[in-house]
Amino acid sequence: MSTRRRGAPAQPEVHRITSAPEPLADDLARRQRRYLWQMGVRVVCFVAAGLLWGHVPVAVSIVLLVAATVLPYVAVLLANAGRERRDEPGVFFEARELGAAPRHDELGGGR
């Protein structure tokens, strides 16, 4: 059942604000906050490993040191992940075809 009348002109496509991508500044701020949180966890791992070295089994301190060593690599990968692509399929550009080059006699040879 259609709500459009017969013979009525087609309505232009209306874009919803909810389908708009996240602004670049918001995306950058979100990635910076995530990176800073992960670096904060890294500092806590280093401090905890140093403070707990003689009070807990050495394996716990070593695990904290390994976590503090691996976290920067993970944090950089996640921070550089950038903007996510939308799941909507579509053509992002329309390819144009150049016409054939003019023949020699069409160039206006001047004679």
PDB file of N, CA and C in Angstrom:
ATOM      1  N   MET A   1       0.846  -1.162   0.000  1.00  0.00           N
ATOM      2  CA  MET A   1       0.000   0.000   0.000  1.00  0.00           C
ATOM      3  C   MET A   1       0.898   1.232   0.000  1.00  0.00           C
ATOM      4  N   SER A   2       0.743   2.052  -0.969  1.00  0.00           N
ATOM      5  CA  SER A   2       1.597   3.224  -1.126  1.00  0.00           C
ATOM      6  C   SER A   2       0.848   4.482  -0.702  1.00  0.00           C
ATOM      7  N   THR A   3       1.580   5.413  -0.099  1.00  0.00           N
ATOM      8  CA  THR A   3       0.953   6.664   0.314  1.00  0.00           C
ATOM      9  C   THR A   3       1.140   7.752  -0.729  1.00  0.00           C
ATOM     10  N   ARG A   4       1.889   7.457  -1.791  1.00  0.00           N
ATOM     11  CA  ARG A   4       2.123   8.437  -2.838  1.00  0.00           C
ATOM     12  C   ARG A   4       0.969   8.431  -3.823  1.00  0.00           C
ATOM     13  N   ARG A   5       0.544   9.592  -4.230  1.00  0.00           N
ATOM     14  CA  ARG A   5      -0.554   9.691  -5.193  1.00  0.00           C
ATOM     15  C   ARG A   5      -0.044   9.433  -6.590  1.00  0.00           C
ATOM     16  N   ARG A   6      -0.918   8.989  -7.416  1.00  0.00           N
ATOM     17  CA  ARG A   6      -0.559   8.777  -8.823  1.00  0.00           C
ATOM     18  C   ARG A   6      -0.310  10.109  -9.484  1.00  0.00           C
ATOM     19  N   GLY A   7       0.745  10.157 -10.268  1.00  0.00           N
ATOM     20  CA  GLY A   7       1.042  11.355 -11.014  1.00  0.00           C
ATOM     21  C   GLY A   7       1.749  12.427 -10.199  1.00  0.00           C
ATOM     22  N   ALA A   8       1.896  12.232  -8.905  1.00  0.00           N
ATOM     23  CA  ALA A   8       2.588  13.217  -8.069  1.00  0.00           C
ATOM     24  C   ALA A   8       4.088  13.102  -8.318  1.00  0.00           C
ATOM     25  N   PRO A   9       4.787  14.222  -8.342  1.00  0.00           N
ATOM     26  CA  PRO A   9       6.229  14.157  -8.569  1.00  0.00           C
ATOM     27  C   PRO A   9       6.931  13.446  -7.416  1.00  0.00           C
ATOM     28  N   ALA A  10       8.034  12.788  -7.744  1.00  0.00           N
ATOM     29  CA  ALA A  10       8.800  12.061  -6.731  1.00  0.00           C
ATOM     30  C   ALA A  10       9.429  13.049  -5.755  1.00  0.00           C
ATOM     31  N   GLN A  11       9.380  12.725  -4.491  1.00  0.00           N
ATOM     32  CA  GLN A  11       9.955  13.581  -3.450  1.00  0.00           C
ATOM     33  C   GLN A  11      11.471  13.391  -3.419  1.00  0.00           C
ATOM     34  N   PRO A  12      12.229  14.453  -3.146  1.00  0.00           N
ATOM     35  CA  PRO A  12      13.675  14.293  -3.049  1.00  0.00           C
ATOM     36  C   PRO A  12      14.039  13.436  -1.838  1.00  0.00           C
ATOM     37  N   GLU A  13      15.160  12.761  -1.921  1.00  0.00           N
ATOM     38  CA  GLU A  13      15.599  11.894  -0.837  1.00  0.00           C
ATOM     39  C   GLU A  13      15.978  12.756   0.372  1.00  0.00           C
ATOM     40  N   VAL A  14      15.453  12.370   1.512  1.00  0.00           N
ATOM     41  CA  VAL A  14      15.727  13.105   2.739  1.00  0.00           C
ATOM     42  C   VAL A  14      16.774  12.329   3.528  1.00  0.00           C
ATOM     43  N   HIS A  15      17.869  12.992   3.877  1.00  0.00           N
ATOM     44  CA  HIS A  15      18.929  12.355   4.658  1.00  0.00           C
ATOM     45  C   HIS A  15      18.670  12.582   6.135  1.00  0.00           C
ATOM     46  N   ARG A  16      18.836  11.545   6.898  1.00  0.00           N
ATOM     47  CA  ARG A  16      18.621  11.638   8.339  1.00  0.00           C
ATOM     48  C   ARG A  16      19.932  12.025   9.016  1.00  0.00           C
ATOM     49  N   ILE A  17      19.837  12.810  10.049  1.00  0.00           N
ATOM     50  CA  ILE A  17      21.021  13.245  10.772  1.00  0.00           C
ATOM     51  C   ILE A  17      21.684  12.068  11.480  1.00  0.00           C
ATOM     52  N   THR A  18      20.930  11.027  11.807  1.00  0.00           N
ATOM     53  CA  THR A  18      21.506   9.878  12.490  1.00  0.00           C
ATOM     54  C   THR A  18      22.419   9.079  11.580  1.00  0.00           C
ATOM     55  N   SER A  19      22.304   9.252  10.263  1.00  0.00           N
ATOM     56  CA  SER A  19      23.177   8.516   9.363  1.00  0.00           C
ATOM     57  C   SER A  19      24.424   9.315   9.005  1.00  0.00           C
ATOM     58  N   ALA A  20      24.553  10.531   9.549  1.00  0.00           N
ATOM     59  CA  ALA A  20      25.730  11.351   9.268  1.00  0.00           C
ATOM     60  C   ALA A  20      26.929  10.787  10.022  1.00  0.00           C
ATOM     61  N   PRO A  21      28.117  10.868   9.425  1.00  0.00           N
ATOM     62  CA  PRO A  21      29.295  10.363  10.132  1.00  0.00           C
ATOM     63  C   PRO A  21      29.655  11.258  11.310  1.00  0.00           C
ATOM     64  N   GLU A  22      30.387  10.690  12.243  1.00  0.00           N
ATOM     65  CA  GLU A  22      30.833  11.433  13.416  1.00  0.00           C
ATOM     66  C   GLU A  22      31.786  12.545  12.971  1.00  0.00           C
ATOM     67  N   PRO A  23      31.662  13.752  13.519  1.00  0.00           N
ATOM     68  CA  PRO A  23      32.574  14.835  13.127  1.00  0.00           C
ATOM     69  C   PRO A  23      34.029  14.453  13.407  1.00  0.00           C
ATOM     70  N   LEU A  24      34.922  14.936  12.580  1.00  0.00           N
ATOM     71  CA  LEU A  24      36.340  14.585  12.692  1.00  0.00           C
ATOM     72  C   LEU A  24      36.913  14.995  14.047  1.00  0.00           C
ATOM     73  N   ALA A  25      36.541  16.160  14.556  1.00  0.00           N
ATOM     74  CA  ALA A  25      37.058  16.612  15.852  1.00  0.00           C
ATOM     75  C   ALA A  25      36.610  15.677  16.976  1.00  0.00           C
ATOM     76  N   ASP A  26      35.369  15.213  16.923  1.00  0.00           N
ATOM     77  CA  ASP A  26      34.883  14.280  17.948  1.00  0.00           C
ATOM     78  C   ASP A  26      35.601  12.945  17.852  1.00  0.00           C
ATOM     79  N   ASP A  27      35.838  12.482  16.631  1.00  0.00           N
ATOM     80  CA  ASP A  27      36.550  11.227  16.424  1.00  0.00           C
ATOM     81  C   ASP A  27      37.967  11.322  16.979  1.00  0.00           C
ATOM     82  N   LEU A  28      38.645  12.412  16.688  1.00  0.00           N
ATOM     83  CA  LEU A  28      40.008  12.603  17.173  1.00  0.00           C
ATOM     84  C   LEU A  28      40.041  12.678  18.701  1.00  0.00           C
ATOM     85  N   ALA A  29      39.104  13.407  19.296  1.00  0.00           N
ATOM     86  CA  ALA A  29      39.051  13.523  20.752  1.00  0.00           C
ATOM     87  C   ALA A  29      38.779  12.163  21.402  1.00  0.00           C
ATOM     88  N   ARG A  30      37.893  11.374  20.796  1.00  0.00           N
ATOM     89  CA  ARG A  30      37.593  10.040  21.337  1.00  0.00           C
ATOM     90  C   ARG A  30      38.820   9.150  21.297  1.00  0.00           C
ATOM     91  N   ARG A  31      39.572   9.180  20.189  1.00  0.00           N
ATOM     92  CA  ARG A  31      40.777   8.350  20.076  1.00  0.00           C
ATOM     93  C   ARG A  31      41.871   8.820  21.029  1.00  0.00           C
ATOM     94  N   GLN A  32      41.982  10.130  21.248  1.00  0.00           N
ATOM     95  CA  GLN A  32      42.974  10.643  22.195  1.00  0.00           C
ATOM     96  C   GLN A  32      42.649  10.225  23.623  1.00  0.00           C
ATOM     97  N   ARG A  33      41.356  10.298  23.981  1.00  0.00           N
ATOM     98  CA  ARG A  33      40.966   9.865  25.330  1.00  0.00           C
ATOM     99  C   ARG A  33      41.268   8.383  25.531  1.00  0.00           C
ATOM    100  N   ARG A  34      40.967   7.551  24.541  1.00  0.00           N
ATOM    101  CA  ARG A  34      41.239   6.118  24.658  1.00  0.00           C
ATOM    102  C   ARG A  34      42.739   5.866  24.810  1.00  0.00           C
ATOM    103  N   TYR A  35      43.554   6.582  24.048  1.00  0.00           N
ATOM    104  CA  TYR A  35      45.008   6.428  24.118  1.00  0.00           C
ATOM    105  C   TYR A  35      45.514   6.838  25.501  1.00  0.00           C
ATOM    106  N   LEU A  36      45.032   7.956  26.017  1.00  0.00           N
ATOM    107  CA  LEU A  36      45.485   8.416  27.334  1.00  0.00           C
ATOM    108  C   LEU A  36      45.071   7.449  28.443  1.00  0.00           C
ATOM    109  N   TRP A  37      43.882   6.875  28.353  1.00  0.00           N
ATOM    110  CA  TRP A  37      43.465   5.861  29.325  1.00  0.00           C
ATOM    111  C   TRP A  37      44.403   4.661  29.287  1.00  0.00           C
ATOM    112  N   GLN A  38      44.738   4.213  28.098  1.00  0.00           N
ATOM    113  CA  GLN A  38      45.614   3.046  27.986  1.00  0.00           C
ATOM    114  C   GLN A  38      47.016   3.347  28.502  1.00  0.00           C
ATOM    115  N   MET A  39      47.501   4.557  28.273  1.00  0.00           N
ATOM    116  CA  MET A  39      48.810   4.921  28.811  1.00  0.00           C
ATOM    117  C   MET A  39      48.752   5.075  30.334  1.00  0.00           C
ATOM    118  N   GLY A  40      47.614   5.489  30.860  1.00  0.00           N
ATOM    119  CA  GLY A  40      47.438   5.531  32.309  1.00  0.00           C
ATOM    120  C   GLY A  40      47.488   4.144  32.920  1.00  0.00           C
ATOM    121  N   VAL A  41      46.854   3.184  32.249  1.00  0.00           N
ATOM    122  CA  VAL A  41      46.898   1.790  32.719  1.00  0.00           C
ATOM    123  C   VAL A  41      48.337   1.286  32.671  1.00  0.00           C
ATOM    124  N   ARG A  42      49.089   1.697  31.677  1.00  0.00           N
ATOM    125  CA  ARG A  42      50.496   1.285  31.558  1.00  0.00           C
ATOM    126  C   ARG A  42      51.306   1.805  32.745  1.00  0.00           C
ATOM    127  N   VAL A  43      51.099   3.067  33.104  1.00  0.00           N
ATOM    128  CA  VAL A  43      51.817   3.637  34.245  1.00  0.00           C
ATOM    129  C   VAL A  43      51.451   2.892  35.523  1.00  0.00           C
ATOM    130  N   VAL A  44      50.171   2.578  35.692  1.00  0.00           N
ATOM    131  CA  VAL A  44      49.733   1.834  36.873  1.00  0.00           C
ATOM    132  C   VAL A  44      50.399   0.464  36.904  1.00  0.00           C
ATOM    133  N   CYS A  45      50.528  -0.193  35.741  1.00  0.00           N
ATOM    134  CA  CYS A  45      51.195  -1.504  35.693  1.00  0.00           C
ATOM    135  C   CYS A  45      52.653  -1.390  36.131  1.00  0.00           C
ATOM    136  N   PHE A  46      53.366  -0.364  35.649  1.00  0.00           N
ATOM    137  CA  PHE A  46      54.764  -0.176  36.047  1.00  0.00           C
ATOM    138  C   PHE A  46      54.888   0.087  37.553  1.00  0.00           C
ATOM    139  N   VAL A  47      54.065   0.988  38.060  1.00  0.00           N
ATOM    140  CA  VAL A  47      54.133   1.328  39.488  1.00  0.00           C
ATOM    141  C   VAL A  47      53.767   0.115  40.337  1.00  0.00           C
ATOM    142  N   ALA A  48      52.713  -0.597  39.947  1.00  0.00           N
ATOM    143  CA  ALA A  48      52.294  -1.781  40.714  1.00  0.00           C
ATOM    144  C   ALA A  48      53.377  -2.854  40.687  1.00  0.00           C
ATOM    145  N   ALA A  49      54.021  -3.048  39.547  1.00  0.00           N
ATOM    146  CA  ALA A  49      55.097  -4.047  39.464  1.00  0.00           C
ATOM    147  C   ALA A  49      56.238  -3.672  40.397  1.00  0.00           C
ATOM    148  N   GLY A  50      56.589  -2.397  40.457  1.00  0.00           N
ATOM    149  CA  GLY A  50      57.681  -1.965  41.332  1.00  0.00           C
ATOM    150  C   GLY A  50      57.328  -2.074  42.803  1.00  0.00           C
ATOM    151  N   LEU A  51      56.095  -1.669  43.147  1.00  0.00           N
ATOM    152  CA  LEU A  51      55.695  -1.704  44.552  1.00  0.00           C
ATOM    153  C   LEU A  51      55.424  -3.120  45.066  1.00  0.00           C
ATOM    154  N   LEU A  52      54.977  -4.001  44.196  1.00  0.00           N
ATOM    155  CA  LEU A  52      54.606  -5.350  44.617  1.00  0.00           C
ATOM    156  C   LEU A  52      55.736  -6.365  44.456  1.00  0.00           C
ATOM    157  N   TRP A  53      56.891  -5.934  43.978  1.00  0.00           N
ATOM    158  CA  TRP A  53      57.970  -6.873  43.641  1.00  0.00           C
ATOM    159  C   TRP A  53      58.326  -7.806  44.800  1.00  0.00           C
ATOM    160  N   GLY A  54      58.462  -7.326  45.974  1.00  0.00           N
ATOM    161  CA  GLY A  54      58.865  -8.177  47.100  1.00  0.00           C
ATOM    162  C   GLY A  54      57.707  -8.737  47.896  1.00  0.00           C
ATOM    163  N   HIS A  55      56.476  -8.335  47.580  1.00  0.00           N
ATOM    164  CA  HIS A  55      55.332  -8.718  48.403  1.00  0.00           C
ATOM    165  C   HIS A  55      54.434  -9.771  47.761  1.00  0.00           C
ATOM    166  N   VAL A  56      54.557  -9.988  46.486  1.00  0.00           N
ATOM    167  CA  VAL A  56      53.755 -10.995  45.781  1.00  0.00           C
ATOM    168  C   VAL A  56      54.710 -11.885  45.006  1.00  0.00           C
ATOM    169  N   PRO A  57      54.223 -12.989  44.515  1.00  0.00           N
ATOM    170  CA  PRO A  57      55.115 -13.832  43.685  1.00  0.00           C
ATOM    171  C   PRO A  57      55.678 -13.016  42.515  1.00  0.00           C
ATOM    172  N   VAL A  58      56.888 -13.325  42.134  1.00  0.00           N
ATOM    173  CA  VAL A  58      57.579 -12.593  41.073  1.00  0.00           C
ATOM    174  C   VAL A  58      56.807 -12.694  39.751  1.00  0.00           C
ATOM    175  N   ALA A  59      56.085 -13.772  39.548  1.00  0.00           N
ATOM    176  CA  ALA A  59      55.330 -13.950  38.302  1.00  0.00           C
ATOM    177  C   ALA A  59      54.296 -12.847  38.123  1.00  0.00           C
ATOM    178  N   VAL A  60      53.683 -12.393  39.198  1.00  0.00           N
ATOM    179  CA  VAL A  60      52.681 -11.320  39.118  1.00  0.00           C
ATOM    180  C   VAL A  60      53.345 -10.038  38.644  1.00  0.00           C
ATOM    181  N   SER A  61      54.494  -9.722  39.205  1.00  0.00           N
ATOM    182  CA  SER A  61      55.212  -8.512  38.792  1.00  0.00           C
ATOM    183  C   SER A  61      55.679  -8.613  37.346  1.00  0.00           C
ATOM    184  N   ILE A  62      56.103  -9.783  36.935  1.00  0.00           N
ATOM    185  CA  ILE A  62      56.549  -9.957  35.543  1.00  0.00           C
ATOM    186  C   ILE A  62      55.372  -9.794  34.582  1.00  0.00           C
ATOM    187  N   VAL A  63      54.206 -10.311  34.941  1.00  0.00           N
ATOM    188  CA  VAL A  63      53.019 -10.146  34.101  1.00  0.00           C
ATOM    189  C   VAL A  63      52.670  -8.664  33.976  1.00  0.00           C
ATOM    190  N   LEU A  64      52.778  -7.920  35.072  1.00  0.00           N
ATOM    191  CA  LEU A  64      52.504  -6.482  35.024  1.00  0.00           C
ATOM    192  C   LEU A  64      53.516  -5.764  34.134  1.00  0.00           C
ATOM    193  N   LEU A  65      54.779  -6.164  34.199  1.00  0.00           N
ATOM    194  CA  LEU A  65      55.801  -5.551  33.343  1.00  0.00           C
ATOM    195  C   LEU A  65      55.567  -5.881  31.868  1.00  0.00           C
ATOM    196  N   VAL A  66      55.162  -7.107  31.589  1.00  0.00           N
ATOM    197  CA  VAL A  66      54.866  -7.492  30.199  1.00  0.00           C
ATOM    198  C   VAL A  66      53.657  -6.699  29.694  1.00  0.00           C
ATOM    199  N   ALA A  67      52.650  -6.545  30.524  1.00  0.00           N
ATOM    200  CA  ALA A  67      51.479  -5.755  30.125  1.00  0.00           C
ATOM    201  C   ALA A  67      51.878  -4.314  29.859  1.00  0.00           C
ATOM    202  N   ALA A  68      52.743  -3.755  30.691  1.00  0.00           N
ATOM    203  CA  ALA A  68      53.195  -2.376  30.494  1.00  0.00           C
ATOM    204  C   ALA A  68      54.046  -2.248  29.239  1.00  0.00           C
ATOM    205  N   THR A  69      54.693  -3.324  28.827  1.00  0.00           N
ATOM    206  CA  THR A  69      55.510  -3.296  27.612  1.00  0.00           C
ATOM    207  C   THR A  69      54.651  -3.427  26.360  1.00  0.00           C
ATOM    208  N   VAL A  70      53.599  -4.215  26.417  1.00  0.00           N
ATOM    209  CA  VAL A  70      52.762  -4.470  25.241  1.00  0.00           C
ATOM    210  C   VAL A  70      51.720  -3.371  25.022  1.00  0.00           C
ATOM    211  N   LEU A  71      51.279  -2.740  26.087  1.00  0.00           N
ATOM    212  CA  LEU A  71      50.213  -1.737  25.977  1.00  0.00           C
ATOM    213  C   LEU A  71      50.498  -0.598  25.001  1.00  0.00           C
ATOM    214  N   PRO A  72      51.706  -0.052  24.908  1.00  0.00           N
ATOM    215  CA  PRO A  72      51.917   1.041  23.951  1.00  0.00           C
ATOM    216  C   PRO A  72      51.665   0.629  22.503  1.00  0.00           C
ATOM    217  N   TYR A  73      52.047  -0.568  22.131  1.00  0.00           N
ATOM    218  CA  TYR A  73      51.816  -1.032  20.764  1.00  0.00           C
ATOM    219  C   TYR A  73      50.322  -1.148  20.472  1.00  0.00           C
ATOM    220  N   VAL A  74      49.590  -1.710  21.409  1.00  0.00           N
ATOM    221  CA  VAL A  74      48.143  -1.849  21.238  1.00  0.00           C
ATOM    222  C   VAL A  74      47.480  -0.478  21.209  1.00  0.00           C
ATOM    223  N   ALA A  75      47.928   0.421  22.084  1.00  0.00           N
ATOM    224  CA  ALA A  75      47.326   1.753  22.161  1.00  0.00           C
ATOM    225  C   ALA A  75      47.544   2.527  20.867  1.00  0.00           C
ATOM    226  N   VAL A  76      48.728   2.424  20.294  1.00  0.00           N
ATOM    227  CA  VAL A  76      49.008   3.137  19.041  1.00  0.00           C
ATOM    228  C   VAL A  76      48.169   2.562  17.908  1.00  0.00           C
ATOM    229  N   LEU A  77      48.046   1.246  17.848  1.00  0.00           N
ATOM    230  CA  LEU A  77      47.221   0.635  16.801  1.00  0.00           C
ATOM    231  C   LEU A  77      45.775   1.094  16.904  1.00  0.00           C
ATOM    232  N   LEU A  78      45.238   1.122  18.107  1.00  0.00           N
ATOM    233  CA  LEU A  78      43.847   1.542  18.276  1.00  0.00           C
ATOM    234  C   LEU A  78      43.676   3.039  18.039  1.00  0.00           C
ATOM    235  N   ALA A  79      44.671   3.842  18.426  1.00  0.00           N
ATOM    236  CA  ALA A  79      44.566   5.284  18.228  1.00  0.00           C
ATOM    237  C   ALA A  79      44.657   5.650  16.754  1.00  0.00           C
ATOM    238  N   ASN A  80      45.417   4.894  15.996  1.00  0.00           N
ATOM    239  CA  ASN A  80      45.570   5.185  14.572  1.00  0.00           C
ATOM    240  C   ASN A  80      44.531   4.495  13.709  1.00  0.00           C
ATOM    241  N   ALA A  81      43.602   3.794  14.336  1.00  0.00           N
ATOM    242  CA  ALA A  81      42.583   3.089  13.564  1.00  0.00           C
ATOM    243  C   ALA A  81      41.751   4.059  12.746  1.00  0.00           C
ATOM    244  N   GLY A  82      41.557   5.267  13.241  1.00  0.00           N
ATOM    245  CA  GLY A  82      40.861   6.292  12.462  1.00  0.00           C
ATOM    246  C   GLY A  82      39.372   6.074  12.387  1.00  0.00           C
ATOM    247  N   ARG A  83      38.798   6.797  11.469  1.00  0.00           N
ATOM    248  CA  ARG A  83      37.353   6.751  11.303  1.00  0.00           C
ATOM    249  C   ARG A  83      36.942   5.421  10.702  1.00  0.00           C
ATOM    250  N   GLU A  84      35.829   4.940  11.178  1.00  0.00           N
ATOM    251  CA  GLU A  84      35.304   3.671  10.696  1.00  0.00           C
ATOM    252  C   GLU A  84      34.474   3.905   9.444  1.00  0.00           C
ATOM    253  N   ARG A  85      34.507   2.953   8.543  1.00  0.00           N
ATOM    254  CA  ARG A  85      33.670   3.052   7.341  1.00  0.00           C
ATOM    255  C   ARG A  85      32.242   2.687   7.684  1.00  0.00           C
ATOM    256  N   ARG A  86      31.343   3.276   6.939  1.00  0.00           N
ATOM    257  CA  ARG A  86      29.941   2.909   7.117  1.00  0.00           C
ATOM    258  C   ARG A  86      29.684   1.574   6.447  1.00  0.00           C
ATOM    259  N   ASP A  87      28.686   0.884   6.926  1.00  0.00           N
ATOM    260  CA  ASP A  87      28.328  -0.415   6.366  1.00  0.00           C
ATOM    261  C   ASP A  87      27.474  -0.288   5.112  1.00  0.00           C
ATOM    262  N   GLU A  88      27.082   0.934   4.786  1.00  0.00           N
ATOM    263  CA  GLU A  88      26.227   1.127   3.631  1.00  0.00           C
ATOM    264  C   GLU A  88      27.024   0.934   2.348  1.00  0.00           C
ATOM    265  N   PRO A  89      26.567   0.051   1.491  1.00  0.00           N
ATOM    266  CA  PRO A  89      27.268  -0.087   0.218  1.00  0.00           C
ATOM    267  C   PRO A  89      26.954   1.109  -0.665  1.00  0.00           C
ATOM    268  N   GLY A  90      27.873   1.468  -1.464  1.00  0.00           N
ATOM    269  CA  GLY A  90      27.622   2.603  -2.336  1.00  0.00           C
ATOM    270  C   GLY A  90      28.880   2.969  -3.097  1.00  0.00           C
ATOM    271  N   VAL A  91      28.672   3.763  -4.091  1.00  0.00           N
ATOM    272  CA  VAL A  91      29.786   4.229  -4.899  1.00  0.00           C
ATOM    273  C   VAL A  91      30.230   5.562  -4.330  1.00  0.00           C
ATOM    274  N   PHE A  92      31.517   5.679  -4.020  1.00  0.00           N
ATOM    275  CA  PHE A  92      32.021   6.907  -3.442  1.00  0.00           C
ATOM    276  C   PHE A  92      32.395   7.920  -4.509  1.00  0.00           C
ATOM    277  N   PHE A  93      32.598   7.468  -5.722  1.00  0.00           N
ATOM    278  CA  PHE A  93      32.873   8.387  -6.811  1.00  0.00           C
ATOM    279  C   PHE A  93      32.299   7.782  -8.078  1.00  0.00           C
ATOM    280  N   GLU A  94      32.035   8.625  -9.022  1.00  0.00           N
ATOM    281  CA  GLU A  94      31.499   8.148 -10.288  1.00  0.00           C
ATOM    282  C   GLU A  94      32.594   8.278 -11.331  1.00  0.00           C
ATOM    283  N   ALA A  95      32.968   7.175 -11.911  1.00  0.00           N
ATOM    284  CA  ALA A  95      34.029   7.188 -12.910  1.00  0.00           C
ATOM    285  C   ALA A  95      33.520   7.843 -14.189  1.00  0.00           C
ATOM    286  N   ARG A  96      34.362   8.664 -14.774  1.00  0.00           N
ATOM    287  CA  ARG A  96      34.002   9.309 -16.031  1.00  0.00           C
ATOM    288  C   ARG A  96      34.896   8.763 -17.118  1.00  0.00           C
ATOM    289  N   GLU A  97      34.341   8.631 -18.271  1.00  0.00           N
ATOM    290  CA  GLU A  97      35.100   8.106 -19.397  1.00  0.00           C
ATOM    291  C   GLU A  97      35.449   9.257 -20.333  1.00  0.00           C
ATOM    292  N   LEU A  98      36.705   9.326 -20.699  1.00  0.00           N
ATOM    293  CA  LEU A  98      37.127  10.343 -21.649  1.00  0.00           C
ATOM    294  C   LEU A  98      36.795   9.864 -23.052  1.00  0.00           C
ATOM    295  N   GLY A  99      36.369  10.789 -23.860  1.00  0.00           N
ATOM    296  CA  GLY A  99      36.069  10.435 -25.255  1.00  0.00           C
ATOM    297  C   GLY A  99      37.353  10.156 -26.032  1.00  0.00           C
ATOM    298  N   ALA A 100      37.178   9.657 -27.212  1.00  0.00           N
ATOM    299  CA  ALA A 100      38.332   9.360 -28.054  1.00  0.00           C
ATOM    300  C   ALA A 100      39.013  10.664 -28.464  1.00  0.00           C
ATOM    301  N   ALA A 101      40.295  10.594 -28.710  1.00  0.00           N
ATOM    302  CA  ALA A 101      41.051  11.773 -29.153  1.00  0.00           C
ATOM    303  C   ALA A 101      40.601  12.135 -30.569  1.00  0.00           C
ATOM    304  N   PRO A 102      40.608  13.435 -30.879  1.00  0.00           N
ATOM    305  CA  PRO A 102      40.199  13.842 -32.227  1.00  0.00           C
ATOM    306  C   PRO A 102      41.195  13.337 -33.268  1.00  0.00           C
ATOM    307  N   ARG A 103      40.659  13.043 -34.450  1.00  0.00           N
ATOM    308  CA  ARG A 103      41.538  12.587 -35.529  1.00  0.00           C
ATOM    309  C   ARG A 103      42.383  13.749 -36.006  1.00  0.00           C
ATOM    310  N   HIS A 104      43.424  13.425 -36.722  1.00  0.00           N
ATOM    311  CA  HIS A 104      44.371  14.440 -37.197  1.00  0.00           C
ATOM    312  C   HIS A 104      43.704  15.465 -38.090  1.00  0.00           C
ATOM    313  N   ASP A 105      42.785  15.039 -38.940  1.00  0.00           N
ATOM    314  CA  ASP A 105      42.124  15.982 -39.852  1.00  0.00           C
ATOM    315  C   ASP A 105      41.088  16.852 -39.135  1.00  0.00           C
ATOM    316  N   GLU A 106      40.689  16.497 -37.901  1.00  0.00           N
ATOM    317  CA  GLU A 106      39.741  17.294 -37.141  1.00  0.00           C
ATOM    318  C   GLU A 106      40.428  18.344 -36.287  1.00  0.00           C
ATOM    319  N   LEU A 107      41.735  18.345 -36.222  1.00  0.00           N
ATOM    320  CA  LEU A 107      42.461  19.264 -35.374  1.00  0.00           C
ATOM    321  C   LEU A 107      42.540  20.664 -35.934  1.00  0.00           C
ATOM    322  N   GLY A 108      42.159  20.859 -37.147  1.00  0.00           N
ATOM    323  CA  GLY A 108      42.249  22.194 -37.755  1.00  0.00           C
ATOM    324  C   GLY A 108      43.693  22.497 -38.118  1.00  0.00           C
ATOM    325  N   GLY A 109      44.226  21.706 -38.981  1.00  0.00           N
ATOM    326  CA  GLY A 109      45.635  21.762 -39.346  1.00  0.00           C
ATOM    327  C   GLY A 109      46.096  23.094 -39.934  1.00  0.00           C
ATOM    328  N   GLY A 110      45.295  24.054 -40.197  1.00  0.00           N
ATOM    329  CA  GLY A 110      45.728  25.351 -40.660  1.00  0.00           C
ATOM    330  C   GLY A 110      45.936  25.436 -42.156  1.00  0.00           C
ATOM    331  N   ARG A 111      45.687  24.432 -42.923  1.00  0.00           N
ATOM    332  CA  ARG A 111      45.833  24.496 -44.388  1.00  0.00           C
ATOM    333  C   ARG A 111      44.513  24.555 -45.060  1.00  0.00           C
TER     334      ARG A 111
END
